[in-house]
C-alpha cells in the first residue's frame, strides 16, 4: 500500500486493488493506534470517517 494523503493525524493509503484504508500516522500511534475496520471507496469517505472519529473524542 502507498500513502496518498495525510489527514488529521491519519495516513490514507491505497492498496494495489484500489481500495482505500485509513491508519493512525506515526505521531498519533505514539499515543493510540487506530485502524478503521473497513475499506473506503473514495478519499472523501475516509476523511468523513476520520472526522467522525475526532468528533467522538
C-alpha atoms as a PDB file:
ATOM      1  CA  UNK A   1       0.000   0.000   0.000  1.00  0.00           C
ATOM      2  CA  UNK A   2       1.116   3.522  -0.610  1.00  0.00           C
ATOM      3  CA  UNK A   3       0.161   6.637   1.307  1.00  0.00           C
ATOM      4  CA  UNK A   4      -1.809   9.037  -0.866  1.00  0.00           C
ATOM      5  CA  UNK A   5      -2.635  11.662   1.753  1.00  0.00           C
ATOM      6  CA  UNK A   6      -2.207  12.560   5.407  1.00  0.00           C
ATOM      7  CA  UNK A   7      -5.310  13.999   7.059  1.00  0.00           C
ATOM      8  CA  UNK A   8      -5.755  14.952  10.722  1.00  0.00           C
ATOM      9  CA  UNK A   9      -3.084  12.532  12.021  1.00  0.00           C
ATOM     10  CA  UNK A  10      -4.168   9.680   9.765  1.00  0.00           C
ATOM     11  CA  UNK A  11      -2.433   8.209   6.736  1.00  0.00           C
ATOM     12  CA  UNK A  12      -4.869   7.495   3.923  1.00  0.00           C
ATOM     13  CA  UNK A  13      -3.492   4.613   1.886  1.00  0.00           C
ATOM     14  CA  UNK A  14      -4.462   2.966  -1.380  1.00  0.00           C
ATOM     15  CA  UNK A  15      -3.961  -0.750  -1.960  1.00  0.00           C
ATOM     16  CA  UNK A  16      -2.962  -2.351  -5.236  1.00  0.00           C
ATOM     17  CA  UNK A  17      -6.594  -3.335  -5.766  1.00  0.00           C
ATOM     18  CA  UNK A  18      -7.697   0.307  -5.464  1.00  0.00           C
ATOM     19  CA  UNK A  19      -9.295   0.097  -2.025  1.00  0.00           C
ATOM     20  CA  UNK A  20      -8.640   2.938   0.395  1.00  0.00           C
ATOM     21  CA  UNK A  21      -7.754   2.478   4.076  1.00  0.00           C
ATOM     22  CA  UNK A  22      -7.052   4.871   6.951  1.00  0.00           C
ATOM     23  CA  UNK A  23      -4.494   4.254   9.710  1.00  0.00           C
ATOM     24  CA  UNK A  24      -3.197   6.455  12.504  1.00  0.00           C
ATOM     25  CA  UNK A  25       0.050   8.126  11.458  1.00  0.00           C
ATOM     26  CA  UNK A  26       3.285   7.790  13.438  1.00  0.00           C
ATOM     27  CA  UNK A  27       2.560  10.834  15.631  1.00  0.00           C
ATOM     28  CA  UNK A  28      -0.874   9.583  16.717  1.00  0.00           C
ATOM     29  CA  UNK A  29       0.345   5.980  17.036  1.00  0.00           C
ATOM     30  CA  UNK A  30       2.684   7.058  19.832  1.00  0.00           C
ATOM     31  CA  UNK A  31      -0.451   7.634  21.939  1.00  0.00           C
ATOM     32  CA  UNK A  32      -3.096   5.425  20.380  1.00  0.00           C
ATOM     33  CA  UNK A  33      -3.056   3.090  17.386  1.00  0.00           C
ATOM     34  CA  UNK A  34      -6.184   3.452  15.258  1.00  0.00           C
ATOM     35  CA  UNK A  35      -7.190   1.429  12.213  1.00  0.00           C
ATOM     36  CA  UNK A  36     -10.606   1.530  10.610  1.00  0.00           C
ATOM     37  CA  UNK A  37     -12.021  -1.956  10.144  1.00  0.00           C
ATOM     38  CA  UNK A  38     -13.424  -1.300   6.683  1.00  0.00           C
ATOM     39  CA  UNK A  39     -12.134  -0.016   3.391  1.00  0.00           C
ATOM     40  CA  UNK A  40     -13.427   3.089   1.650  1.00  0.00           C
ATOM     41  CA  UNK A  41     -14.398   3.738  -1.951  1.00  0.00           C
ATOM     42  CA  UNK A  42     -13.125   7.334  -2.016  1.00  0.00           C
ATOM     43  CA  UNK A  43     -10.701   9.569  -0.143  1.00  0.00           C
ATOM     44  CA  UNK A  44     -13.671  11.752   0.788  1.00  0.00           C
ATOM     45  CA  UNK A  45     -15.349   8.793   2.535  1.00  0.00           C
ATOM     46  CA  UNK A  46     -12.219   8.109   4.541  1.00  0.00           C
ATOM     47  CA  UNK A  47     -11.982  11.775   5.551  1.00  0.00           C
ATOM     48  CA  UNK A  48     -15.613  11.681   6.734  1.00  0.00           C
ATOM     49  CA  UNK A  49     -14.811   8.634   8.896  1.00  0.00           C
ATOM     50  CA  UNK A  50     -11.724  10.368  10.314  1.00  0.00           C
ATOM     51  CA  UNK A  51     -13.800  13.471  11.104  1.00  0.00           C
ATOM     52  CA  UNK A  52     -16.315  11.209  12.878  1.00  0.00           C
ATOM     53  CA  UNK A  53     -13.510   9.644  14.912  1.00  0.00           C
ATOM     54  CA  UNK A  54     -12.331  13.080  16.109  1.00  0.00           C
ATOM     55  CA  UNK A  55     -15.887  14.234  16.886  1.00  0.00           C
ATOM     56  CA  UNK A  56     -16.266  11.264  19.259  1.00  0.00           C
ATOM     57  CA  UNK A  57     -13.021  12.105  21.078  1.00  0.00           C
END
